[in-house]
Amino acid sequence: MKRFSIYFLSLLAMVLSSALVSCSESNEEDTEFSDWQTRNEQYFDQKYSEVKALVDAGNTDWKILRKWSYEGNVATHSYDHILVNVLKEGNGAGYPLSTDTVDVHYSGRLIPSESYSDGYVFDQSWTGEFDEATAKPSTFAVTGTVVDGFSTLLQYMHIGDKWRVYIPYQLAYGEKAQGSVPAYSTLIFDVQLVHYRHANNKTKASVRRAK
């Protein structure tokens, strides 16, 4: 009987310990992404206002681009657009079409949060430190495989362009979580266009090869 009591108490301690760890992890996550929708909406709207003021003042380092599939004057809200900071201009000609395939270097992160002052990096096309000379770009279709905001930015890029892009959650994963990306997340991408290919598989050369 005594042996049973000791076993039971040990088992109970293990269960309680596990519960406390789970609760702690849950609380940390809740703190990290608490009121996440409001924080992301406020972040993007503030960024939109700042960028609009810069664009209206003639600053060419910033762009406001309407969702690629919109026609006419449908775009009426800040979240109908993506925001672009031009970090580097390429010397390629033309743009990828919605039916094209692209090769890009990219890194995606969330808005700044409690534990990640620069935003949590949820995906990127390279490992370790980025080295343009050795990094292998990712390849995917311009539309159909990426979020609307990413499809939009690709159709405005020249080969060699490097942009930092802010995508509202309405043009990203929306109201559902995706992997390590919580629902209602504004996405921030650093993107560099390396190649693109038309549907007939004709490849546009990269800037590096063109030199």
C-alpha atoms as a PDB file:
ATOM      1  CA  MET A   1       0.000   0.000   0.000  1.00  0.00           C
ATOM      2  CA  LYS A   2       2.833   2.333   0.908  1.00  0.00           C
ATOM      3  CA  ARG A   3       4.636   1.525  -2.378  1.00  0.00           C
ATOM      4  CA  PHE A   4       1.432   2.303  -4.315  1.00  0.00           C
ATOM      5  CA  SER A   5       1.090   5.668  -2.553  1.00  0.00           C
ATOM      6  CA  ILE A   6       4.655   6.651  -3.432  1.00  0.00           C
ATOM      7  CA  TYR A   7       4.080   5.657  -7.085  1.00  0.00           C
ATOM      8  CA  PHE A   8       0.825   7.610  -7.200  1.00  0.00           C
ATOM      9  CA  LEU A   9       2.374  10.717  -5.706  1.00  0.00           C
ATOM     10  CA  SER A  10       5.287  10.547  -8.173  1.00  0.00           C
ATOM     11  CA  LEU A  11       2.883  10.194 -11.089  1.00  0.00           C
ATOM     12  CA  LEU A  12       0.798  13.100  -9.830  1.00  0.00           C
ATOM     13  CA  ALA A  13       3.917  15.286  -9.541  1.00  0.00           C
ATOM     14  CA  MET A  14       4.876  14.482 -13.130  1.00  0.00           C
ATOM     15  CA  VAL A  15       1.402  15.378 -14.407  1.00  0.00           C
ATOM     16  CA  LEU A  16       1.333  18.654 -12.490  1.00  0.00           C
ATOM     17  CA  SER A  17       4.837  19.541 -13.687  1.00  0.00           C
ATOM     18  CA  SER A  18       3.850  18.868 -17.288  1.00  0.00           C
ATOM     19  CA  ALA A  19       0.712  20.960 -16.891  1.00  0.00           C
ATOM     20  CA  LEU A  20       2.688  23.861 -15.436  1.00  0.00           C
ATOM     21  CA  VAL A  21       5.190  23.764 -18.323  1.00  0.00           C
ATOM     22  CA  SER A  22       2.376  23.682 -20.875  1.00  0.00           C
ATOM     23  CA  CYS A  23       0.628  26.529 -19.110  1.00  0.00           C
ATOM     24  CA  SER A  24       3.865  28.540 -19.006  1.00  0.00           C
ATOM     25  CA  GLU A  25       4.450  28.002 -22.731  1.00  0.00           C
ATOM     26  CA  SER A  26       0.854  28.964 -23.460  1.00  0.00           C
ATOM     27  CA  ASN A  27       1.153  32.128 -21.380  1.00  0.00           C
ATOM     28  CA  GLU A  28       4.361  33.105 -23.185  1.00  0.00           C
ATOM     29  CA  GLU A  29       2.667  32.603 -26.553  1.00  0.00           C
ATOM     30  CA  ASP A  30      -0.385  34.558 -25.402  1.00  0.00           C
ATOM     31  CA  THR A  31       1.877  37.428 -24.332  1.00  0.00           C
ATOM     32  CA  GLU A  32       3.869  37.334 -27.557  1.00  0.00           C
ATOM     33  CA  PHE A  33       0.806  37.575 -29.778  1.00  0.00           C
ATOM     34  CA  SER A  34      -1.791  39.096 -27.469  1.00  0.00           C
ATOM     35  CA  ASP A  35      -4.302  41.402 -29.192  1.00  0.00           C
ATOM     36  CA  TRP A  36      -2.499  40.425 -32.401  1.00  0.00           C
ATOM     37  CA  GLN A  37      -5.163  41.528 -34.860  1.00  0.00           C
ATOM     38  CA  THR A  38      -5.388  45.046 -33.450  1.00  0.00           C
ATOM     39  CA  ARG A  39      -1.617  45.389 -33.208  1.00  0.00           C
ATOM     40  CA  ASN A  40      -1.157  44.310 -36.814  1.00  0.00           C
ATOM     41  CA  GLU A  41      -3.914  46.550 -38.138  1.00  0.00           C
ATOM     42  CA  GLN A  42      -2.508  49.542 -36.283  1.00  0.00           C
ATOM     43  CA  TYR A  43       1.020  48.750 -37.421  1.00  0.00           C
ATOM     44  CA  PHE A  44       0.075  48.530 -41.093  1.00  0.00           C
ATOM     45  CA  ASP A  45      -2.211  51.584 -41.054  1.00  0.00           C
ATOM     46  CA  GLN A  46       0.517  53.650 -39.408  1.00  0.00           C
ATOM     47  CA  LYS A  47       3.070  52.433 -41.945  1.00  0.00           C
ATOM     48  CA  TYR A  48       0.649  53.158 -44.779  1.00  0.00           C
ATOM     49  CA  SER A  49       0.162  56.750 -43.578  1.00  0.00           C
ATOM     50  CA  GLU A  50       3.918  57.266 -43.294  1.00  0.00           C
ATOM     51  CA  VAL A  51       4.615  55.844 -46.748  1.00  0.00           C
ATOM     52  CA  LYS A  52       1.767  57.789 -48.369  1.00  0.00           C
ATOM     53  CA  ALA A  53       3.211  61.023 -46.986  1.00  0.00           C
ATOM     54  CA  LEU A  54       6.617  60.135 -48.410  1.00  0.00           C
ATOM     55  CA  VAL A  55       5.204  59.182 -51.823  1.00  0.00           C
ATOM     56  CA  ASP A  56       3.085  62.351 -51.965  1.00  0.00           C
ATOM     57  CA  ALA A  57       6.238  64.338 -51.200  1.00  0.00           C
ATOM     58  CA  GLY A  58       7.999  62.793 -54.199  1.00  0.00           C
ATOM     59  CA  ASN A  59      10.147  60.217 -52.413  1.00  0.00           C
ATOM     60  CA  THR A  60      10.996  57.533 -54.983  1.00  0.00           C
ATOM     61  CA  ASP A  61      12.406  55.057 -52.462  1.00  0.00           C
ATOM     62  CA  TRP A  62       8.868  54.069 -51.500  1.00  0.00           C
ATOM     63  CA  LYS A  63       5.899  52.702 -53.454  1.00  0.00           C
ATOM     64  CA  ILE A  64       2.276  51.902 -52.704  1.00  0.00           C
ATOM     65  CA  LEU A  65       1.055  49.112 -54.976  1.00  0.00           C
ATOM     66  CA  ARG A  66      -2.538  48.008 -55.383  1.00  0.00           C
ATOM     67  CA  LYS A  67      -3.394  44.288 -55.268  1.00  0.00           C
ATOM     68  CA  TRP A  68      -2.483  42.895 -58.681  1.00  0.00           C
ATOM     69  CA  SER A  69      -5.903  41.449 -59.500  1.00  0.00           C
ATOM     70  CA  TYR A  70      -7.868  44.627 -58.791  1.00  0.00           C
ATOM     71  CA  GLU A  71      -9.176  46.595 -61.737  1.00  0.00           C
ATOM     72  CA  GLY A  72     -10.381  50.180 -62.039  1.00  0.00           C
ATOM     73  CA  ASN A  73     -10.749  51.995 -58.727  1.00  0.00           C
ATOM     74  CA  VAL A  74     -11.744  49.013 -56.594  1.00  0.00           C
ATOM     75  CA  ALA A  75      -8.955  49.533 -54.049  1.00  0.00           C
ATOM     76  CA  THR A  76     -10.404  51.829 -51.382  1.00  0.00           C
ATOM     77  CA  HIS A  77      -8.649  50.749 -48.165  1.00  0.00           C
ATOM     78  CA  SER A  78      -5.067  50.741 -46.959  1.00  0.00           C
ATOM     79  CA  TYR A  79      -5.180  46.944 -46.832  1.00  0.00           C
ATOM     80  CA  ASP A  80      -5.926  46.768 -50.565  1.00  0.00           C
ATOM     81  CA  HIS A  81      -2.253  47.643 -51.081  1.00  0.00           C
ATOM     82  CA  ILE A  82       1.270  46.573 -50.270  1.00  0.00           C
ATOM     83  CA  LEU A  83       4.034  48.981 -49.238  1.00  0.00           C
ATOM     84  CA  VAL A  84       7.463  48.829 -50.846  1.00  0.00           C
ATOM     85  CA  ASN A  85      10.803  50.219 -49.718  1.00  0.00           C
ATOM     86  CA  VAL A  86      13.277  50.044 -52.617  1.00  0.00           C
ATOM     87  CA  LEU A  87      16.586  48.903 -51.106  1.00  0.00           C
ATOM     88  CA  LYS A  88      18.383  48.360 -54.400  1.00  0.00           C
ATOM     89  CA  GLU A  89      17.476  48.939 -58.038  1.00  0.00           C
ATOM     90  CA  GLY A  90      18.337  46.282 -60.599  1.00  0.00           C
ATOM     91  CA  ASN A  91      19.202  46.820 -64.245  1.00  0.00           C
ATOM     92  CA  GLY A  92      16.872  44.203 -65.704  1.00  0.00           C
ATOM     93  CA  ALA A  93      14.146  45.093 -68.191  1.00  0.00           C
ATOM     94  CA  GLY A  94      10.515  44.071 -68.051  1.00  0.00           C
ATOM     95  CA  TYR A  95       8.474  42.501 -65.275  1.00  0.00           C
ATOM     96  CA  PRO A  96       7.245  38.997 -64.505  1.00  0.00           C
ATOM     97  CA  LEU A  97       3.692  38.261 -65.655  1.00  0.00           C
ATOM     98  CA  SER A  98       1.038  36.580 -63.538  1.00  0.00           C
ATOM     99  CA  THR A  99       1.624  33.375 -65.552  1.00  0.00           C
ATOM    100  CA  ASP A 100       5.419  33.399 -65.111  1.00  0.00           C
ATOM    101  CA  THR A 101       7.752  31.512 -62.814  1.00  0.00           C
ATOM    102  CA  VAL A 102      10.377  33.355 -60.747  1.00  0.00           C
ATOM    103  CA  ASP A 103      13.627  32.696 -58.901  1.00  0.00           C
ATOM    104  CA  VAL A 104      13.997  34.876 -55.816  1.00  0.00           C
ATOM    105  CA  HIS A 105      15.954  35.315 -52.623  1.00  0.00           C
ATOM    106  CA  TYR A 106      13.578  36.152 -49.785  1.00  0.00           C
ATOM    107  CA  SER A 107      13.209  36.402 -46.044  1.00  0.00           C
ATOM    108  CA  GLY A 108       9.846  36.774 -44.308  1.00  0.00           C
ATOM    109  CA  ARG A 109       9.178  37.994 -40.785  1.00  0.00           C
ATOM    110  CA  LEU A 110       6.387  39.266 -38.551  1.00  0.00           C
ATOM    111  CA  ILE A 111       6.015  42.724 -37.056  1.00  0.00           C
ATOM    112  CA  PRO A 112       8.170  43.461 -33.972  1.00  0.00           C
ATOM    113  CA  SER A 113       6.982  41.695 -30.826  1.00  0.00           C
ATOM    114  CA  GLU A 114       8.049  41.227 -27.227  1.00  0.00           C
ATOM    115  CA  SER A 115      10.770  38.659 -27.922  1.00  0.00           C
ATOM    116  CA  TYR A 116      11.676  39.708 -31.475  1.00  0.00           C
ATOM    117  CA  SER A 117      12.531  43.388 -31.824  1.00  0.00           C
ATOM    118  CA  ASP A 118      13.034  43.011 -35.585  1.00  0.00           C
ATOM    119  CA  GLY A 119      10.139  40.598 -36.021  1.00  0.00           C
ATOM    120  CA  TYR A 120      10.142  36.798 -35.892  1.00  0.00           C
ATOM    121  CA  VAL A 121      11.660  35.282 -39.072  1.00  0.00           C
ATOM    122  CA  PHE A 122       9.213  32.560 -40.147  1.00  0.00           C
ATOM    123  CA  ASP A 123      10.747  31.657 -43.503  1.00  0.00           C
ATOM    124  CA  GLN A 124      13.676  32.437 -45.777  1.00  0.00           C
ATOM    125  CA  SER A 125      15.279  30.991 -48.882  1.00  0.00           C
ATOM    126  CA  TRP A 126      18.784  30.638 -47.407  1.00  0.00           C
ATOM    127  CA  THR A 127      20.438  29.312 -44.263  1.00  0.00           C
ATOM    128  CA  GLY A 128      23.014  31.121 -42.149  1.00  0.00           C
ATOM    129  CA  GLU A 129      24.319  34.471 -43.338  1.00  0.00           C
ATOM    130  CA  PHE A 130      23.107  35.565 -46.760  1.00  0.00           C
ATOM    131  CA  ASP A 131      25.757  35.479 -49.507  1.00  0.00           C
ATOM    132  CA  GLU A 132      24.421  36.511 -52.901  1.00  0.00           C
ATOM    133  CA  ALA A 133      27.315  34.789 -54.676  1.00  0.00           C
ATOM    134  CA  THR A 134      26.480  31.347 -53.263  1.00  0.00           C
ATOM    135  CA  ALA A 135      22.844  31.486 -52.109  1.00  0.00           C
ATOM    136  CA  LYS A 136      20.430  29.403 -54.160  1.00  0.00           C
ATOM    137  CA  PRO A 137      17.158  31.223 -54.925  1.00  0.00           C
ATOM    138  CA  SER A 138      13.740  29.662 -54.475  1.00  0.00           C
ATOM    139  CA  THR A 139      11.575  28.983 -57.516  1.00  0.00           C
ATOM    140  CA  PHE A 140       7.796  29.261 -57.693  1.00  0.00           C
ATOM    141  CA  ALA A 141       4.913  30.518 -59.817  1.00  0.00           C
ATOM    142  CA  VAL A 142       3.996  34.200 -59.557  1.00  0.00           C
ATOM    143  CA  THR A 143       0.358  33.350 -58.783  1.00  0.00           C
ATOM    144  CA  GLY A 144      -1.376  30.349 -57.319  1.00  0.00           C
ATOM    145  CA  THR A 145       1.340  29.277 -54.896  1.00  0.00           C
ATOM    146  CA  VAL A 146       2.009  32.456 -52.874  1.00  0.00           C
ATOM    147  CA  VAL A 147      -0.165  35.001 -51.073  1.00  0.00           C
ATOM    148  CA  ASP A 148      -1.748  37.842 -53.053  1.00  0.00           C
ATOM    149  CA  GLY A 149       0.627  40.425 -51.638  1.00  0.00           C
ATOM    150  CA  PHE A 150       3.651  38.460 -52.792  1.00  0.00           C
ATOM    151  CA  SER A 151       2.106  37.920 -56.236  1.00  0.00           C
ATOM    152  CA  THR A 152       1.592  41.676 -56.442  1.00  0.00           C
ATOM    153  CA  LEU A 153       5.161  42.680 -55.617  1.00  0.00           C
ATOM    154  CA  LEU A 154       6.673  40.210 -58.079  1.00  0.00           C
ATOM    155  CA  GLN A 155       4.793  41.718 -61.012  1.00  0.00           C
ATOM    156  CA  TYR A 156       6.393  45.119 -60.385  1.00  0.00           C
ATOM    157  CA  MET A 157      10.004  43.999 -59.921  1.00  0.00           C
ATOM    158  CA  HIS A 158      12.880  44.207 -62.382  1.00  0.00           C
ATOM    159  CA  ILE A 159      15.644  41.602 -62.276  1.00  0.00           C
ATOM    160  CA  GLY A 160      18.136  42.659 -59.616  1.00  0.00           C
ATOM    161  CA  ASP A 161      15.634  44.726 -57.639  1.00  0.00           C
ATOM    162  CA  LYS A 162      15.802  44.247 -53.883  1.00  0.00           C
ATOM    163  CA  TRP A 163      12.768  45.395 -51.912  1.00  0.00           C
ATOM    164  CA  ARG A 164      11.455  45.392 -48.355  1.00  0.00           C
ATOM    165  CA  VAL A 165       7.725  44.848 -48.612  1.00  0.00           C
ATOM    166  CA  TYR A 166       4.909  45.200 -46.063  1.00  0.00           C
ATOM    167  CA  ILE A 167       1.865  43.015 -46.747  1.00  0.00           C
ATOM    168  CA  PRO A 168      -1.362  43.418 -44.707  1.00  0.00           C
ATOM    169  CA  TYR A 169      -2.918  40.221 -43.424  1.00  0.00           C
ATOM    170  CA  GLN A 170      -5.826  40.672 -45.847  1.00  0.00           C
ATOM    171  CA  LEU A 171      -3.370  40.067 -48.715  1.00  0.00           C
ATOM    172  CA  ALA A 172      -1.446  37.422 -46.755  1.00  0.00           C
ATOM    173  CA  TYR A 173      -2.824  34.495 -44.734  1.00  0.00           C
ATOM    174  CA  GLY A 174      -5.873  36.376 -43.493  1.00  0.00           C
ATOM    175  CA  GLU A 175      -7.789  35.197 -40.446  1.00  0.00           C
ATOM    176  CA  LYS A 176      -6.183  31.745 -40.270  1.00  0.00           C
ATOM    177  CA  ALA A 177      -2.801  30.741 -38.880  1.00  0.00           C
ATOM    178  CA  GLN A 178      -0.314  29.214 -41.299  1.00  0.00           C
ATOM    179  CA  GLY A 179       2.476  27.170 -39.732  1.00  0.00           C
ATOM    180  CA  SER A 180       4.353  29.472 -37.354  1.00  0.00           C
ATOM    181  CA  VAL A 181       2.522  32.542 -38.687  1.00  0.00           C
ATOM    182  CA  PRO A 182      -0.402  33.528 -36.419  1.00  0.00           C
ATOM    183  CA  ALA A 183      -3.725  34.638 -37.849  1.00  0.00           C
ATOM    184  CA  TYR A 184      -4.026  38.354 -38.701  1.00  0.00           C
ATOM    185  CA  SER A 185      -0.298  38.736 -39.326  1.00  0.00           C
ATOM    186  CA  THR A 186       1.189  41.562 -41.358  1.00  0.00           C
ATOM    187  CA  LEU A 187       4.116  40.059 -43.267  1.00  0.00           C
ATOM    188  CA  ILE A 188       7.409  41.855 -43.922  1.00  0.00           C
ATOM    189  CA  PHE A 189       9.525  40.441 -46.740  1.00  0.00           C
ATOM    190  CA  ASP A 190      12.981  41.248 -48.066  1.00  0.00           C
ATOM    191  CA  VAL A 191      12.887  40.070 -51.683  1.00  0.00           C
ATOM    192  CA  GLN A 192      15.389  40.076 -54.536  1.00  0.00           C
ATOM    193  CA  LEU A 193      14.357  38.997 -58.037  1.00  0.00           C
ATOM    194  CA  VAL A 194      17.031  36.858 -59.710  1.00  0.00           C
ATOM    195  CA  HIS A 195      15.299  35.365 -62.799  1.00  0.00           C
ATOM    196  CA  TYR A 196      11.883  34.969 -64.318  1.00  0.00           C
ATOM    197  CA  ARG A 197      10.569  32.680 -67.014  1.00  0.00           C
ATOM    198  CA  HIS A 198       7.542  33.105 -69.245  1.00  0.00           C
ATOM    199  CA  ALA A 199       5.069  30.312 -69.803  1.00  0.00           C
ATOM    200  CA  ASN A 200       7.032  29.270 -72.912  1.00  0.00           C
ATOM    201  CA  ASN A 201       9.971  28.605 -70.541  1.00  0.00           C
ATOM    202  CA  LYS A 202      12.119  31.409 -71.959  1.00  0.00           C
ATOM    203  CA  THR A 203      14.422  32.570 -69.150  1.00  0.00           C
ATOM    204  CA  LYS A 204      15.411  36.147 -68.440  1.00  0.00           C
ATOM    205  CA  ALA A 205      19.083  36.232 -67.405  1.00  0.00           C
ATOM    206  CA  SER A 206      20.051  37.351 -63.950  1.00  0.00           C
ATOM    207  CA  VAL A 207      21.964  40.561 -63.366  1.00  0.00           C
ATOM    208  CA  ARG A 208      25.026  38.560 -62.359  1.00  0.00           C
ATOM    209  CA  ARG A 209      25.055  36.588 -65.598  1.00  0.00           C
ATOM    210  CA  ALA A 210      24.435  39.714 -67.668  1.00  0.00           C
ATOM    211  CA  LYS A 211      27.633  41.363 -66.484  1.00  0.00           C
END
